[in-house]
Amino acid sequence: MTRISLPNQITLTRLLMTPFFVIVVMQVPRAPIYKTVALLMFCAMVAGDVIDGYIARRLGIESRLGAFLDPIADKTMMVSAYVLLATRVYFDAPLLPNWLAVLVVSRDFF
């Protein structure tokens, strides 16, 4: 059985953190502390993105799996963040204009 490399483990962790990030943001109206928790989670996911790439290049353990998963984790994280920030459901007013969220989300499809 092949062991998953550390950079790929970090990438998978980022990917699995995204739904929890969405859940935390959805809880913001209930308690303001969730804004801080969501910010810390997002910062951890961004730091993980930097760290996994650095480790993979530095140790020469880049893989096809990592090359496949990393962009998926990046897009999942960013699309979730943009959609959540542009919606009125979880905030008093959208923090980003809808057109910006649509532009960012759709840029990879066209």
PDB file of N, CA and C in Angstrom:
ATOM      1  N   MET A   1       0.841  -1.175   0.000  1.00  0.00           N
ATOM      2  CA  MET A   1       0.000   0.000   0.000  1.00  0.00           C
ATOM      3  C   MET A   1       0.888   1.240   0.000  1.00  0.00           C
ATOM      4  N   THR A   2       0.582   2.175  -0.858  1.00  0.00           N
ATOM      5  CA  THR A   2       1.367   3.397  -0.974  1.00  0.00           C
ATOM      6  C   THR A   2       0.928   4.391   0.090  1.00  0.00           C
ATOM      7  N   ARG A   3       1.906   4.991   0.734  1.00  0.00           N
ATOM      8  CA  ARG A   3       1.630   5.993   1.763  1.00  0.00           C
ATOM      9  C   ARG A   3       1.457   7.351   1.084  1.00  0.00           C
ATOM     10  N   ILE A   4       0.502   8.120   1.543  1.00  0.00           N
ATOM     11  CA  ILE A   4       0.266   9.453   0.991  1.00  0.00           C
ATOM     12  C   ILE A   4       1.309  10.397   1.566  1.00  0.00           C
ATOM     13  N   SER A   5       1.941  11.167   0.697  1.00  0.00           N
ATOM     14  CA  SER A   5       3.009  12.073   1.129  1.00  0.00           C
ATOM     15  C   SER A   5       2.456  13.198   2.001  1.00  0.00           C
ATOM     16  N   LEU A   6       3.340  13.815   2.782  1.00  0.00           N
ATOM     17  CA  LEU A   6       2.945  14.907   3.671  1.00  0.00           C
ATOM     18  C   LEU A   6       2.272  16.057   2.914  1.00  0.00           C
ATOM     19  N   PRO A   7       2.827  16.522   1.783  1.00  0.00           N
ATOM     20  CA  PRO A   7       2.136  17.600   1.057  1.00  0.00           C
ATOM     21  C   PRO A   7       0.716  17.209   0.629  1.00  0.00           C
ATOM     22  N   ASN A   8       0.536  15.961   0.209  1.00  0.00           N
ATOM     23  CA  ASN A   8      -0.801  15.516  -0.189  1.00  0.00           C
ATOM     24  C   ASN A   8      -1.732  15.401   1.016  1.00  0.00           C
ATOM     25  N   GLN A   9      -1.192  15.024   2.166  1.00  0.00           N
ATOM     26  CA  GLN A   9      -1.996  14.988   3.387  1.00  0.00           C
ATOM     27  C   GLN A   9      -2.471  16.393   3.755  1.00  0.00           C
ATOM     28  N   ILE A  10      -1.576  17.372   3.613  1.00  0.00           N
ATOM     29  CA  ILE A  10      -1.939  18.761   3.903  1.00  0.00           C
ATOM     30  C   ILE A  10      -3.022  19.231   2.933  1.00  0.00           C
ATOM     31  N   THR A  11      -2.862  18.897   1.658  1.00  0.00           N
ATOM     32  CA  THR A  11      -3.854  19.283   0.650  1.00  0.00           C
ATOM     33  C   THR A  11      -5.209  18.643   0.946  1.00  0.00           C
ATOM     34  N   LEU A  12      -5.206  17.368   1.289  1.00  0.00           N
ATOM     35  CA  LEU A  12      -6.464  16.696   1.629  1.00  0.00           C
ATOM     36  C   LEU A  12      -7.112  17.322   2.862  1.00  0.00           C
ATOM     37  N   THR A  13      -6.294  17.705   3.826  1.00  0.00           N
ATOM     38  CA  THR A  13      -6.818  18.370   5.020  1.00  0.00           C
ATOM     39  C   THR A  13      -7.481  19.687   4.647  1.00  0.00           C
ATOM     40  N   ARG A  14      -6.836  20.459   3.762  1.00  0.00           N
ATOM     41  CA  ARG A  14      -7.436  21.723   3.306  1.00  0.00           C
ATOM     42  C   ARG A  14      -8.769  21.466   2.620  1.00  0.00           C
ATOM     43  N   LEU A  15      -8.801  20.452   1.791  1.00  0.00           N
ATOM     44  CA  LEU A  15     -10.031  20.122   1.069  1.00  0.00           C
ATOM     45  C   LEU A  15     -11.143  19.714   2.038  1.00  0.00           C
ATOM     46  N   LEU A  16     -10.795  18.936   3.041  1.00  0.00           N
ATOM     47  CA  LEU A  16     -11.783  18.492   4.022  1.00  0.00           C
ATOM     48  C   LEU A  16     -12.193  19.598   4.990  1.00  0.00           C
ATOM     49  N   MET A  17     -11.360  20.612   5.164  1.00  0.00           N
ATOM     50  CA  MET A  17     -11.702  21.736   6.042  1.00  0.00           C
ATOM     51  C   MET A  17     -12.747  22.662   5.427  1.00  0.00           C
ATOM     52  N   THR A  18     -12.848  22.674   4.111  1.00  0.00           N
ATOM     53  CA  THR A  18     -13.732  23.625   3.436  1.00  0.00           C
ATOM     54  C   THR A  18     -15.194  23.509   3.874  1.00  0.00           C
ATOM     55  N   PRO A  19     -15.782  22.311   3.933  1.00  0.00           N
ATOM     56  CA  PRO A  19     -17.179  22.257   4.393  1.00  0.00           C
ATOM     57  C   PRO A  19     -17.341  22.759   5.831  1.00  0.00           C
ATOM     58  N   PHE A  20     -16.354  22.507   6.665  1.00  0.00           N
ATOM     59  CA  PHE A  20     -16.423  22.996   8.045  1.00  0.00           C
ATOM     60  C   PHE A  20     -16.311  24.519   8.087  1.00  0.00           C
ATOM     61  N   PHE A  21     -15.498  25.067   7.188  1.00  0.00           N
ATOM     62  CA  PHE A  21     -15.398  26.521   7.062  1.00  0.00           C
ATOM     63  C   PHE A  21     -16.763  27.109   6.700  1.00  0.00           C
ATOM     64  N   VAL A  22     -17.442  26.483   5.750  1.00  0.00           N
ATOM     65  CA  VAL A  22     -18.773  26.948   5.332  1.00  0.00           C
ATOM     66  C   VAL A  22     -19.750  26.877   6.508  1.00  0.00           C
ATOM     67  N   ILE A  23     -19.715  25.791   7.245  1.00  0.00           N
ATOM     68  CA  ILE A  23     -20.607  25.638   8.401  1.00  0.00           C
ATOM     69  C   ILE A  23     -20.336  26.717   9.440  1.00  0.00           C
ATOM     70  N   VAL A  24     -19.065  27.000   9.697  1.00  0.00           N
ATOM     71  CA  VAL A  24     -18.714  28.034  10.680  1.00  0.00           C
ATOM     72  C   VAL A  24     -19.222  29.398  10.217  1.00  0.00           C
ATOM     73  N   VAL A  25     -19.027  29.725   8.945  1.00  0.00           N
ATOM     74  CA  VAL A  25     -19.512  31.015   8.434  1.00  0.00           C
ATOM     75  C   VAL A  25     -21.030  31.097   8.561  1.00  0.00           C
ATOM     76  N   MET A  26     -21.715  29.988   8.348  1.00  0.00           N
ATOM     77  CA  MET A  26     -23.170  29.982   8.463  1.00  0.00           C
ATOM     78  C   MET A  26     -23.631  30.232   9.903  1.00  0.00           C
ATOM     79  N   GLN A  27     -22.751  30.027  10.856  1.00  0.00           N
ATOM     80  CA  GLN A  27     -23.090  30.240  12.264  1.00  0.00           C
ATOM     81  C   GLN A  27     -22.824  31.671  12.735  1.00  0.00           C
ATOM     82  N   VAL A  28     -22.244  32.508  11.884  1.00  0.00           N
ATOM     83  CA  VAL A  28     -21.890  33.880  12.274  1.00  0.00           C
ATOM     84  C   VAL A  28     -23.073  34.656  12.859  1.00  0.00           C
ATOM     85  N   PRO A  29     -24.293  34.578  12.281  1.00  0.00           N
ATOM     86  CA  PRO A  29     -25.397  35.347  12.877  1.00  0.00           C
ATOM     87  C   PRO A  29     -25.725  34.927  14.314  1.00  0.00           C
ATOM     88  N   ARG A  30     -25.405  33.712  14.673  1.00  0.00           N
ATOM     89  CA  ARG A  30     -25.722  33.221  16.020  1.00  0.00           C
ATOM     90  C   ARG A  30     -24.757  33.742  17.073  1.00  0.00           C
ATOM     91  N   ALA A  31     -23.491  33.874  16.705  1.00  0.00           N
ATOM     92  CA  ALA A  31     -22.490  34.354  17.665  1.00  0.00           C
ATOM     93  C   ALA A  31     -21.330  34.979  16.904  1.00  0.00           C
ATOM     94  N   PRO A  32     -20.964  36.198  17.245  1.00  0.00           N
ATOM     95  CA  PRO A  32     -19.885  36.895  16.537  1.00  0.00           C
ATOM     96  C   PRO A  32     -18.532  36.186  16.603  1.00  0.00           C
ATOM     97  N   ILE A  33     -18.322  35.333  17.589  1.00  0.00           N
ATOM     98  CA  ILE A  33     -17.038  34.637  17.707  1.00  0.00           C
ATOM     99  C   ILE A  33     -16.757  33.785  16.470  1.00  0.00           C
ATOM    100  N   TYR A  34     -17.809  33.375  15.781  1.00  0.00           N
ATOM    101  CA  TYR A  34     -17.626  32.549  14.591  1.00  0.00           C
ATOM    102  C   TYR A  34     -16.911  33.297  13.468  1.00  0.00           C
ATOM    103  N   LYS A  35     -16.995  34.625  13.467  1.00  0.00           N
ATOM    104  CA  LYS A  35     -16.225  35.390  12.476  1.00  0.00           C
ATOM    105  C   LYS A  35     -14.737  35.150  12.680  1.00  0.00           C
ATOM    106  N   THR A  36     -14.319  35.177  13.935  1.00  0.00           N
ATOM    107  CA  THR A  36     -12.909  34.949  14.254  1.00  0.00           C
ATOM    108  C   THR A  36     -12.509  33.518  13.925  1.00  0.00           C
ATOM    109  N   VAL A  37     -13.362  32.568  14.264  1.00  0.00           N
ATOM    110  CA  VAL A  37     -13.075  31.164  13.970  1.00  0.00           C
ATOM    111  C   VAL A  37     -12.961  30.955  12.462  1.00  0.00           C
ATOM    112  N   ALA A  38     -13.878  31.537  11.694  1.00  0.00           N
ATOM    113  CA  ALA A  38     -13.844  31.407  10.234  1.00  0.00           C
ATOM    114  C   ALA A  38     -12.575  32.030   9.664  1.00  0.00           C
ATOM    115  N   LEU A  39     -12.194  33.189  10.176  1.00  0.00           N
ATOM    116  CA  LEU A  39     -10.970  33.838   9.709  1.00  0.00           C
ATOM    117  C   LEU A  39      -9.755  32.971  10.003  1.00  0.00           C
ATOM    118  N   LEU A  40      -9.683  32.411  11.191  1.00  0.00           N
ATOM    119  CA  LEU A  40      -8.553  31.545  11.545  1.00  0.00           C
ATOM    120  C   LEU A  40      -8.521  30.284  10.679  1.00  0.00           C
ATOM    121  N   MET A  41      -9.687  29.721  10.413  1.00  0.00           N
ATOM    122  CA  MET A  41      -9.743  28.542   9.544  1.00  0.00           C
ATOM    123  C   MET A  41      -9.270  28.882   8.138  1.00  0.00           C
ATOM    124  N   PHE A  42      -9.729  30.016   7.617  1.00  0.00           N
ATOM    125  CA  PHE A  42      -9.332  30.414   6.270  1.00  0.00           C
ATOM    126  C   PHE A  42      -7.824  30.657   6.216  1.00  0.00           C
ATOM    127  N   CYS A  43      -7.290  31.326   7.227  1.00  0.00           N
ATOM    128  CA  CYS A  43      -5.842  31.572   7.280  1.00  0.00           C
ATOM    129  C   CYS A  43      -5.069  30.258   7.354  1.00  0.00           C
ATOM    130  N   ALA A  44      -5.577  29.292   8.107  1.00  0.00           N
ATOM    131  CA  ALA A  44      -4.924  27.981   8.196  1.00  0.00           C
ATOM    132  C   ALA A  44      -4.938  27.275   6.843  1.00  0.00           C
ATOM    133  N   MET A  45      -6.046  27.399   6.113  1.00  0.00           N
ATOM    134  CA  MET A  45      -6.119  26.763   4.793  1.00  0.00           C
ATOM    135  C   MET A  45      -5.166  27.434   3.810  1.00  0.00           C
ATOM    136  N   VAL A  46      -5.056  28.744   3.867  1.00  0.00           N
ATOM    137  CA  VAL A  46      -4.123  29.458   2.987  1.00  0.00           C
ATOM    138  C   VAL A  46      -2.683  29.090   3.349  1.00  0.00           C
ATOM    139  N   ALA A  47      -2.386  29.051   4.647  1.00  0.00           N
ATOM    140  CA  ALA A  47      -1.040  28.668   5.082  1.00  0.00           C
ATOM    141  C   ALA A  47      -0.728  27.241   4.637  1.00  0.00           C
ATOM    142  N   GLY A  48      -1.708  26.359   4.728  1.00  0.00           N
ATOM    143  CA  GLY A  48      -1.516  24.986   4.266  1.00  0.00           C
ATOM    144  C   GLY A  48      -1.203  24.923   2.787  1.00  0.00           C
ATOM    145  N   ASP A  49      -1.818  25.788   2.008  1.00  0.00           N
ATOM    146  CA  ASP A  49      -1.547  25.846   0.570  1.00  0.00           C
ATOM    147  C   ASP A  49      -0.097  26.229   0.305  1.00  0.00           C
ATOM    148  N   VAL A  50       0.383  27.199   1.040  1.00  0.00           N
ATOM    149  CA  VAL A  50       1.776  27.640   0.877  1.00  0.00           C
ATOM    150  C   VAL A  50       2.728  26.537   1.330  1.00  0.00           C
ATOM    151  N   ILE A  51       2.433  25.954   2.475  1.00  0.00           N
ATOM    152  CA  ILE A  51       3.333  24.962   3.069  1.00  0.00           C
ATOM    153  C   ILE A  51       3.396  23.687   2.244  1.00  0.00           C
ATOM    154  N   ASP A  52       2.258  23.195   1.750  1.00  0.00           N
ATOM    155  CA  ASP A  52       2.302  21.936   1.001  1.00  0.00           C
ATOM    156  C   ASP A  52       3.111  22.068  -0.282  1.00  0.00           C
ATOM    157  N   GLY A  53       2.972  23.189  -0.958  1.00  0.00           N
ATOM    158  CA  GLY A  53       3.765  23.403  -2.175  1.00  0.00           C
ATOM    159  C   GLY A  53       5.244  23.533  -1.876  1.00  0.00           C
ATOM    160  N   TYR A  54       5.562  24.242  -0.814  1.00  0.00           N
ATOM    161  CA  TYR A  54       6.966  24.418  -0.424  1.00  0.00           C
ATOM    162  C   TYR A  54       7.604  23.073  -0.078  1.00  0.00           C
ATOM    163  N   ILE A  55       6.915  22.280   0.724  1.00  0.00           N
ATOM    164  CA  ILE A  55       7.464  20.980   1.123  1.00  0.00           C
ATOM    165  C   ILE A  55       7.644  20.079  -0.091  1.00  0.00           C
ATOM    166  N   ALA A  56       6.651  20.041  -0.963  1.00  0.00           N
ATOM    167  CA  ALA A  56       6.729  19.172  -2.142  1.00  0.00           C
ATOM    168  C   ALA A  56       7.909  19.554  -3.030  1.00  0.00           C
ATOM    169  N   ARG A  57       8.095  20.847  -3.260  1.00  0.00           N
ATOM    170  CA  ARG A  57       9.216  21.278  -4.107  1.00  0.00           C
ATOM    171  C   ARG A  57      10.555  21.095  -3.408  1.00  0.00           C
ATOM    172  N   ARG A  58      10.608  21.459  -2.147  1.00  0.00           N
ATOM    173  CA  ARG A  58      11.865  21.404  -1.391  1.00  0.00           C
ATOM    174  C   ARG A  58      12.379  19.973  -1.253  1.00  0.00           C
ATOM    175  N   LEU A  59      11.472  19.044  -0.982  1.00  0.00           N
ATOM    176  CA  LEU A  59      11.867  17.649  -0.798  1.00  0.00           C
ATOM    177  C   LEU A  59      11.814  16.838  -2.087  1.00  0.00           C
ATOM    178  N   GLY A  60      11.371  17.472  -3.164  1.00  0.00           N
ATOM    179  CA  GLY A  60      11.300  16.777  -4.447  1.00  0.00           C
ATOM    180  C   GLY A  60      10.276  15.655  -4.459  1.00  0.00           C
ATOM    181  N   ILE A  61       9.174  15.847  -3.761  1.00  0.00           N
ATOM    182  CA  ILE A  61       8.146  14.801  -3.714  1.00  0.00           C
ATOM    183  C   ILE A  61       6.845  15.276  -4.365  1.00  0.00           C
ATOM    184  N   GLU A  62       6.995  16.045  -5.427  1.00  0.00           N
ATOM    185  CA  GLU A  62       5.817  16.453  -6.190  1.00  0.00           C
ATOM    186  C   GLU A  62       5.202  15.207  -6.809  1.00  0.00           C
ATOM    187  N   SER A  63       3.890  15.168  -6.866  1.00  0.00           N
ATOM    188  CA  SER A  63       3.224  13.981  -7.393  1.00  0.00           C
ATOM    189  C   SER A  63       2.066  14.371  -8.303  1.00  0.00           C
ATOM    190  N   ARG A  64       1.639  13.410  -9.090  1.00  0.00           N
ATOM    191  CA  ARG A  64       0.485  13.642  -9.953  1.00  0.00           C
ATOM    192  C   ARG A  64      -0.772  13.843  -9.115  1.00  0.00           C
ATOM    193  N   LEU A  65      -0.861  13.105  -8.015  1.00  0.00           N
ATOM    194  CA  LEU A  65      -2.011  13.274  -7.127  1.00  0.00           C
ATOM    195  C   LEU A  65      -2.044  14.690  -6.560  1.00  0.00           C
ATOM    196  N   GLY A  66      -0.903  15.184  -6.117  1.00  0.00           N
ATOM    197  CA  GLY A  66      -0.825  16.543  -5.586  1.00  0.00           C
ATOM    198  C   GLY A  66      -1.145  17.581  -6.647  1.00  0.00           C
ATOM    199  N   ALA A  67      -0.635  17.353  -7.857  1.00  0.00           N
ATOM    200  CA  ALA A  67      -0.904  18.279  -8.962  1.00  0.00           C
ATOM    201  C   ALA A  67      -2.393  18.295  -9.311  1.00  0.00           C
ATOM    202  N   PHE A  68      -3.072  17.190  -9.066  1.00  0.00           N
ATOM    203  CA  PHE A  68      -4.507  17.108  -9.319  1.00  0.00           C
ATOM    204  C   PHE A  68      -5.318  17.709  -8.162  1.00  0.00           C
ATOM    205  N   LEU A  69      -4.955  17.352  -6.923  1.00  0.00           N
ATOM    206  CA  LEU A  69      -5.741  17.761  -5.756  1.00  0.00           C
ATOM    207  C   LEU A  69      -5.557  19.221  -5.364  1.00  0.00           C
ATOM    208  N   ASP A  70      -4.350  19.750  -5.506  1.00  0.00           N
ATOM    209  CA  ASP A  70      -4.073  21.110  -5.036  1.00  0.00           C
ATOM    210  C   ASP A  70      -4.977  22.152  -5.699  1.00  0.00           C
ATOM    211  N   PRO A  71      -5.118  22.149  -7.022  1.00  0.00           N
ATOM    212  CA  PRO A  71      -6.024  23.136  -7.626  1.00  0.00           C
ATOM    213  C   PRO A  71      -7.488  22.933  -7.216  1.00  0.00           C
ATOM    214  N   ILE A  72      -7.881  21.679  -6.994  1.00  0.00           N
ATOM    215  CA  ILE A  72      -9.253  21.423  -6.551  1.00  0.00           C
ATOM    216  C   ILE A  72      -9.471  22.011  -5.158  1.00  0.00           C
ATOM    217  N   ALA A  73      -8.507  21.796  -4.271  1.00  0.00           N
ATOM    218  CA  ALA A  73      -8.609  22.355  -2.916  1.00  0.00           C
ATOM    219  C   ALA A  73      -8.621  23.879  -2.969  1.00  0.00           C
ATOM    220  N   ASP A  74      -7.770  24.455  -3.819  1.00  0.00           N
ATOM    221  CA  ASP A  74      -7.728  25.917  -3.960  1.00  0.00           C
ATOM    222  C   ASP A  74      -9.064  26.469  -4.437  1.00  0.00           C
ATOM    223  N   LYS A  75      -9.590  25.882  -5.499  1.00  0.00           N
ATOM    224  CA  LYS A  75     -10.847  26.381  -6.080  1.00  0.00           C
ATOM    225  C   LYS A  75     -12.010  26.189  -5.123  1.00  0.00           C
ATOM    226  N   THR A  76     -12.063  25.048  -4.462  1.00  0.00           N
ATOM    227  CA  THR A  76     -13.142  24.791  -3.512  1.00  0.00           C
ATOM    228  C   THR A  76     -13.132  25.827  -2.400  1.00  0.00           C
ATOM    229  N   MET A  77     -11.956  26.107  -1.885  1.00  0.00           N
ATOM    230  CA  MET A  77     -11.817  27.083  -0.809  1.00  0.00           C
ATOM    231  C   MET A  77     -12.213  28.480  -1.282  1.00  0.00           C
ATOM    232  N   MET A  78     -11.704  28.900  -2.422  1.00  0.00           N
ATOM    233  CA  MET A  78     -11.956  30.256  -2.904  1.00  0.00           C
ATOM    234  C   MET A  78     -13.408  30.453  -3.340  1.00  0.00           C
ATOM    235  N   VAL A  79     -13.963  29.480  -4.045  1.00  0.00           N
ATOM    236  CA  VAL A  79     -15.363  29.596  -4.474  1.00  0.00           C
ATOM    237  C   VAL A  79     -16.274  29.675  -3.251  1.00  0.00           C
ATOM    238  N   SER A  80     -16.020  28.838  -2.261  1.00  0.00           N
ATOM    239  CA  SER A  80     -16.824  28.880  -1.034  1.00  0.00           C
ATOM    240  C   SER A  80     -16.739  30.246  -0.374  1.00  0.00           C
ATOM    241  N   ALA A  81     -15.548  30.768  -0.264  1.00  0.00           N
ATOM    242  CA  ALA A  81     -15.359  32.067   0.392  1.00  0.00           C
ATOM    243  C   ALA A  81     -16.059  33.181  -0.380  1.00  0.00           C
ATOM    244  N   TYR A  82     -15.885  33.217  -1.693  1.00  0.00           N
ATOM    245  CA  TYR A  82     -16.509  34.278  -2.489  1.00  0.00           C
ATOM    246  C   TYR A  82     -18.032  34.200  -2.441  1.00  0.00           C
ATOM    247  N   VAL A  83     -18.577  33.010  -2.567  1.00  0.00           N
ATOM    248  CA  VAL A  83     -20.034  32.871  -2.539  1.00  0.00           C
ATOM    249  C   VAL A  83     -20.580  33.276  -1.172  1.00  0.00           C
ATOM    250  N   LEU A  84     -19.915  32.850  -0.106  1.00  0.00           N
ATOM    251  CA  LEU A  84     -20.378  33.213   1.238  1.00  0.00           C
ATOM    252  C   LEU A  84     -20.289  34.714   1.488  1.00  0.00           C
ATOM    253  N   LEU A  85     -19.238  35.342   0.990  1.00  0.00           N
ATOM    254  CA  LEU A  85     -19.081  36.779   1.211  1.00  0.00           C
ATOM    255  C   LEU A  85     -20.036  37.617   0.360  1.00  0.00           C
ATOM    256  N   ALA A  86     -20.548  37.036  -0.709  1.00  0.00           N
ATOM    257  CA  ALA A  86     -21.444  37.780  -1.596  1.00  0.00           C
ATOM    258  C   ALA A  86     -22.921  37.539  -1.286  1.00  0.00           C
ATOM    259  N   THR A  87     -23.202  36.646  -0.373  1.00  0.00           N
ATOM    260  CA  THR A  87     -24.598  36.328  -0.079  1.00  0.00           C
ATOM    261  C   THR A  87     -25.130  37.169   1.079  1.00  0.00           C
ATOM    262  N   ARG A  88     -26.420  37.401   1.070  1.00  0.00           N
ATOM    263  CA  ARG A  88     -27.063  38.175   2.140  1.00  0.00           C
ATOM    264  C   ARG A  88     -27.555  37.264   3.264  1.00  0.00           C
ATOM    265  N   VAL A  89     -27.521  35.991   3.055  1.00  0.00           N
ATOM    266  CA  VAL A  89     -28.116  35.059   4.002  1.00  0.00           C
ATOM    267  C   VAL A  89     -27.395  35.063   5.351  1.00  0.00           C
ATOM    268  N   TYR A  90     -26.078  35.162   5.335  1.00  0.00           N
ATOM    269  CA  TYR A  90     -25.317  34.992   6.570  1.00  0.00           C
ATOM    270  C   TYR A  90     -24.764  36.291   7.135  1.00  0.00           C
ATOM    271  N   PHE A  91     -24.947  37.381   6.424  1.00  0.00           N
ATOM    272  CA  PHE A  91     -24.467  38.678   6.884  1.00  0.00           C
ATOM    273  C   PHE A  91     -25.594  39.693   6.724  1.00  0.00           C
ATOM    274  N   ASP A  92     -25.513  40.798   7.441  1.00  0.00           N
ATOM    275  CA  ASP A  92     -26.535  41.845   7.314  1.00  0.00           C
ATOM    276  C   ASP A  92     -26.593  42.384   5.888  1.00  0.00           C
ATOM    277  N   ALA A  93     -25.440  42.515   5.298  1.00  0.00           N
ATOM    278  CA  ALA A  93     -25.326  42.964   3.906  1.00  0.00           C
ATOM    279  C   ALA A  93     -24.167  42.192   3.290  1.00  0.00           C
ATOM    280  N   PRO A  94     -24.211  41.959   1.989  1.00  0.00           N
ATOM    281  CA  PRO A  94     -23.095  41.238   1.375  1.00  0.00           C
ATOM    282  C   PRO A  94     -21.792  42.018   1.544  1.00  0.00           C
ATOM    283  N   LEU A  95     -20.733  41.298   1.791  1.00  0.00           N
ATOM    284  CA  LEU A  95     -19.433  41.934   1.970  1.00  0.00           C
ATOM    285  C   LEU A  95     -18.707  42.124   0.645  1.00  0.00           C
ATOM    286  N   LEU A  96     -19.181  41.436  -0.385  1.00  0.00           N
ATOM    287  CA  LEU A  96     -18.658  41.588  -1.748  1.00  0.00           C
ATOM    288  C   LEU A  96     -19.836  41.752  -2.695  1.00  0.00           C
ATOM    289  N   PRO A  97     -19.655  42.504  -3.766  1.00  0.00           N
ATOM    290  CA  PRO A  97     -20.743  42.591  -4.752  1.00  0.00           C
ATOM    291  C   PRO A  97     -20.937  41.244  -5.460  1.00  0.00           C
ATOM    292  N   ASN A  98     -22.177  40.948  -5.785  1.00  0.00           N
ATOM    293  CA  ASN A  98     -22.487  39.676  -6.452  1.00  0.00           C
ATOM    294  C   ASN A  98     -21.725  39.507  -7.757  1.00  0.00           C
ATOM    295  N   TRP A  99     -21.576  40.593  -8.520  1.00  0.00           N
ATOM    296  CA  TRP A  99     -20.905  40.491  -9.811  1.00  0.00           C
ATOM    297  C   TRP A  99     -19.463  40.029  -9.635  1.00  0.00           C
ATOM    298  N   LEU A 100     -18.825  40.424  -8.545  1.00  0.00           N
ATOM    299  CA  LEU A 100     -17.442  40.005  -8.312  1.00  0.00           C
ATOM    300  C   LEU A 100     -17.374  38.506  -8.021  1.00  0.00           C
ATOM    301  N   ALA A 101     -18.303  38.025  -7.218  1.00  0.00           N
ATOM    302  CA  ALA A 101     -18.342  36.589  -6.929  1.00  0.00           C
ATOM    303  C   ALA A 101     -18.593  35.792  -8.205  1.00  0.00           C
ATOM    304  N   VAL A 102     -19.530  36.255  -9.027  1.00  0.00           N
ATOM    305  CA  VAL A 102     -19.823  35.568 -10.291  1.00  0.00           C
ATOM    306  C   VAL A 102     -18.603  35.587 -11.202  1.00  0.00           C
ATOM    307  N   LEU A 103     -17.932  36.715 -11.285  1.00  0.00           N
ATOM    308  CA  LEU A 103     -16.743  36.840 -12.124  1.00  0.00           C
ATOM    309  C   LEU A 103     -15.652  35.873 -11.681  1.00  0.00           C
ATOM    310  N   VAL A 104     -15.373  35.833 -10.403  1.00  0.00           N
ATOM    311  CA  VAL A 104     -14.311  34.972  -9.883  1.00  0.00           C
ATOM    312  C   VAL A 104     -14.672  33.498 -10.043  1.00  0.00           C
ATOM    313  N   VAL A 105     -15.906  33.145  -9.727  1.00  0.00           N
ATOM    314  CA  VAL A 105     -16.320  31.745  -9.813  1.00  0.00           C
ATOM    315  C   VAL A 105     -16.360  31.271 -11.262  1.00  0.00           C
ATOM    316  N   SER A 106     -16.805  32.118 -12.170  1.00  0.00           N
ATOM    317  CA  SER A 106     -16.968  31.693 -13.565  1.00  0.00           C
ATOM    318  C   SER A 106     -15.696  31.778 -14.398  1.00  0.00           C
ATOM    319  N   ARG A 107     -14.675  32.420 -13.916  1.00  0.00           N
ATOM    320  CA  ARG A 107     -13.472  32.606 -14.736  1.00  0.00           C
ATOM    321  C   ARG A 107     -12.803  31.295 -15.131  1.00  0.00           C
ATOM    322  N   ASP A 108     -12.971  30.260 -14.348  1.00  0.00           N
ATOM    323  CA  ASP A 108     -12.366  28.973 -14.680  1.00  0.00           C
ATOM    324  C   ASP A 108     -13.216  28.144 -15.635  1.00  0.00           C
ATOM    325  N   PHE A 109     -14.436  28.585 -15.873  1.00  0.00           N
ATOM    326  CA  PHE A 109     -15.320  27.829 -16.752  1.00  0.00           C
ATOM    327  C   PHE A 109     -15.327  28.346 -18.186  1.00  0.00           C
ATOM    328  N   PHE A 110     -14.829  29.559 -18.375  1.00  0.00           N
ATOM    329  CA  PHE A 110     -14.868  30.146 -19.718  1.00  0.00           C
ATOM    330  C   PHE A 110     -13.493  30.466 -20.229  1.00  0.00           C
TER     331      PHE A 110
END
